Amino acid sequence: MKEHYFTCPHCWENISMLLDSSIANQKYIEDCEVCCNPIQVSVQFSNSELIHFQADSIGQ
């Protein structure tokens, strides 16, 4: 697991998520730990190194 910091696309707070580097391509929805709004997360790993991270707001 790798901790990754980024800005919430809803409330603009700096938050972190634990990312599972054992799965190369992932796309899922997780709520912001500050404002509780849903965030669509897209991550890609290569040899356990993060090569792509994207966090988009959904709905609202």
N, C-alpha and C. Protein backbone atom coordinates (compact mmCIF):
# COMPACT_ATOMS: atom_id res chain seq x y z
N MET A 1 0.85 -1.19 0.00
CA MET A 1 0.00 0.00 0.00
C MET A 1 0.89 1.25 0.00
N LYS A 2 0.46 2.21 -0.78
CA LYS A 2 1.20 3.47 -0.86
C LYS A 2 0.25 4.62 -0.54
N GLU A 3 0.69 5.54 0.31
CA GLU A 3 -0.11 6.71 0.63
C GLU A 3 0.14 7.78 -0.44
N HIS A 4 -0.97 8.35 -0.95
CA HIS A 4 -0.86 9.36 -2.00
C HIS A 4 -1.69 10.58 -1.58
N TYR A 5 -1.07 11.76 -1.61
CA TYR A 5 -1.74 13.02 -1.27
C TYR A 5 -2.20 13.73 -2.53
N PHE A 6 -3.39 14.33 -2.45
CA PHE A 6 -3.93 15.08 -3.58
C PHE A 6 -4.99 16.05 -3.08
N THR A 7 -5.48 16.90 -3.96
CA THR A 7 -6.51 17.88 -3.62
C THR A 7 -7.88 17.35 -4.00
N CYS A 8 -8.81 17.39 -3.05
CA CYS A 8 -10.19 16.94 -3.33
C CYS A 8 -10.79 17.84 -4.40
N PRO A 9 -11.42 17.27 -5.43
CA PRO A 9 -12.03 18.09 -6.48
C PRO A 9 -13.32 18.77 -6.05
N HIS A 10 -13.81 18.46 -4.85
CA HIS A 10 -15.03 19.10 -4.34
C HIS A 10 -14.71 20.25 -3.38
N CYS A 11 -13.94 19.96 -2.33
CA CYS A 11 -13.72 20.95 -1.27
C CYS A 11 -12.32 21.58 -1.32
N TRP A 12 -11.45 21.09 -2.19
CA TRP A 12 -10.10 21.62 -2.41
C TRP A 12 -9.16 21.43 -1.22
N GLU A 13 -9.54 20.54 -0.28
CA GLU A 13 -8.66 20.22 0.84
C GLU A 13 -7.62 19.20 0.39
N ASN A 14 -6.45 19.26 1.00
CA ASN A 14 -5.40 18.27 0.73
C ASN A 14 -5.72 17.03 1.56
N ILE A 15 -5.92 15.89 0.87
CA ILE A 15 -6.26 14.64 1.54
C ILE A 15 -5.32 13.54 1.05
N SER A 16 -5.41 12.39 1.69
CA SER A 16 -4.58 11.26 1.25
C SER A 16 -5.44 10.02 1.14
N MET A 17 -4.98 9.10 0.31
CA MET A 17 -5.60 7.78 0.15
C MET A 17 -4.50 6.74 0.12
N LEU A 18 -4.83 5.56 0.62
CA LEU A 18 -3.92 4.44 0.50
C LEU A 18 -4.22 3.72 -0.81
N LEU A 19 -3.22 3.55 -1.64
CA LEU A 19 -3.38 2.92 -2.95
C LEU A 19 -2.71 1.56 -2.94
N ASP A 20 -3.39 0.57 -3.51
CA ASP A 20 -2.89 -0.79 -3.57
C ASP A 20 -2.08 -0.98 -4.84
N SER A 21 -0.77 -1.03 -4.71
CA SER A 21 0.11 -1.13 -5.87
C SER A 21 0.18 -2.54 -6.46
N SER A 22 -0.48 -3.51 -5.83
CA SER A 22 -0.46 -4.88 -6.36
C SER A 22 -1.43 -5.06 -7.53
N ILE A 23 -2.30 -4.07 -7.77
CA ILE A 23 -3.25 -4.12 -8.88
C ILE A 23 -2.84 -3.01 -9.86
N ALA A 24 -2.45 -3.39 -11.07
CA ALA A 24 -1.87 -2.45 -12.03
C ALA A 24 -2.81 -1.32 -12.44
N ASN A 25 -4.05 -1.63 -12.79
CA ASN A 25 -5.01 -0.63 -13.25
C ASN A 25 -6.25 -0.68 -12.37
N GLN A 26 -6.63 0.47 -11.84
CA GLN A 26 -7.77 0.53 -10.94
C GLN A 26 -8.63 1.75 -11.25
N LYS A 27 -9.93 1.59 -11.06
CA LYS A 27 -10.87 2.70 -11.18
C LYS A 27 -11.97 2.43 -10.17
N TYR A 28 -12.18 3.36 -9.25
CA TYR A 28 -13.18 3.14 -8.21
C TYR A 28 -13.65 4.48 -7.66
N ILE A 29 -14.67 4.44 -6.81
CA ILE A 29 -15.22 5.64 -6.19
C ILE A 29 -14.95 5.56 -4.69
N GLU A 30 -14.43 6.66 -4.14
CA GLU A 30 -14.18 6.74 -2.70
C GLU A 30 -14.61 8.12 -2.23
N ASP A 31 -15.19 8.19 -1.03
CA ASP A 31 -15.64 9.47 -0.49
C ASP A 31 -14.47 10.26 0.10
N CYS A 32 -14.53 11.58 -0.05
CA CYS A 32 -13.53 12.47 0.55
C CYS A 32 -13.64 12.36 2.06
N GLU A 33 -12.50 12.28 2.74
CA GLU A 33 -12.49 12.17 4.20
C GLU A 33 -12.86 13.48 4.89
N VAL A 34 -12.87 14.60 4.14
CA VAL A 34 -13.22 15.90 4.71
C VAL A 34 -14.68 16.25 4.44
N CYS A 35 -15.08 16.27 3.16
CA CYS A 35 -16.43 16.73 2.80
C CYS A 35 -17.42 15.60 2.50
N CYS A 36 -16.92 14.37 2.43
CA CYS A 36 -17.74 13.16 2.21
C CYS A 36 -18.35 13.05 0.81
N ASN A 37 -17.96 13.92 -0.12
CA ASN A 37 -18.46 13.81 -1.49
C ASN A 37 -17.70 12.72 -2.23
N PRO A 38 -18.37 12.07 -3.21
CA PRO A 38 -17.72 10.98 -3.95
C PRO A 38 -16.67 11.47 -4.93
N ILE A 39 -15.57 10.74 -4.99
CA ILE A 39 -14.47 11.04 -5.90
C ILE A 39 -14.20 9.81 -6.76
N GLN A 40 -14.20 9.98 -8.08
CA GLN A 40 -13.82 8.89 -8.98
C GLN A 40 -12.31 8.88 -9.08
N VAL A 41 -11.70 7.78 -8.64
CA VAL A 41 -10.25 7.63 -8.60
C VAL A 41 -9.82 6.68 -9.70
N SER A 42 -8.81 7.08 -10.46
CA SER A 42 -8.22 6.24 -11.49
C SER A 42 -6.72 6.21 -11.25
N VAL A 43 -6.17 5.00 -11.07
CA VAL A 43 -4.74 4.86 -10.81
C VAL A 43 -4.14 3.78 -11.70
N GLN A 44 -2.87 3.95 -12.01
CA GLN A 44 -2.14 2.95 -12.79
C GLN A 44 -0.75 2.80 -12.21
N PHE A 45 -0.34 1.55 -12.02
CA PHE A 45 0.99 1.24 -11.51
C PHE A 45 1.77 0.44 -12.55
N SER A 46 3.07 0.62 -12.54
CA SER A 46 3.97 -0.19 -13.35
C SER A 46 5.12 -0.60 -12.44
N ASN A 47 5.30 -1.90 -12.26
CA ASN A 47 6.33 -2.42 -11.34
C ASN A 47 6.21 -1.78 -9.96
N SER A 48 4.98 -1.69 -9.47
CA SER A 48 4.65 -1.13 -8.14
C SER A 48 4.91 0.36 -8.01
N GLU A 49 5.23 1.03 -9.11
CA GLU A 49 5.42 2.49 -9.08
C GLU A 49 4.19 3.16 -9.69
N LEU A 50 3.69 4.19 -9.00
CA LEU A 50 2.53 4.94 -9.48
C LEU A 50 2.92 5.73 -10.73
N ILE A 51 2.24 5.47 -11.84
CA ILE A 51 2.54 6.20 -13.08
C ILE A 51 1.39 7.10 -13.52
N HIS A 52 0.19 6.89 -12.93
CA HIS A 52 -0.96 7.73 -13.27
C HIS A 52 -1.88 7.80 -12.07
N PHE A 53 -2.35 9.01 -11.74
CA PHE A 53 -3.36 9.21 -10.70
C PHE A 53 -4.28 10.32 -11.15
N GLN A 54 -5.57 10.07 -11.06
CA GLN A 54 -6.55 11.09 -11.42
C GLN A 54 -7.71 10.98 -10.45
N ALA A 55 -8.16 12.13 -9.93
CA ALA A 55 -9.29 12.19 -9.01
C ALA A 55 -10.28 13.21 -9.55
N ASP A 56 -11.48 12.75 -9.89
CA ASP A 56 -12.50 13.61 -10.49
C ASP A 56 -13.75 13.64 -9.62
N SER A 57 -14.41 14.78 -9.61
CA SER A 57 -15.68 14.88 -8.91
C SER A 57 -16.75 14.18 -9.74
N ILE A 58 -17.73 13.63 -9.06
CA ILE A 58 -18.87 13.03 -9.76
C ILE A 58 -20.15 13.53 -9.11
N GLY A 59 -21.17 13.70 -9.91
CA GLY A 59 -22.45 14.16 -9.41
C GLY A 59 -22.40 15.58 -8.89
N GLN A 60 -23.32 15.85 -7.99
CA GLN A 60 -23.44 17.13 -7.29
C GLN A 60 -23.65 18.25 -8.27
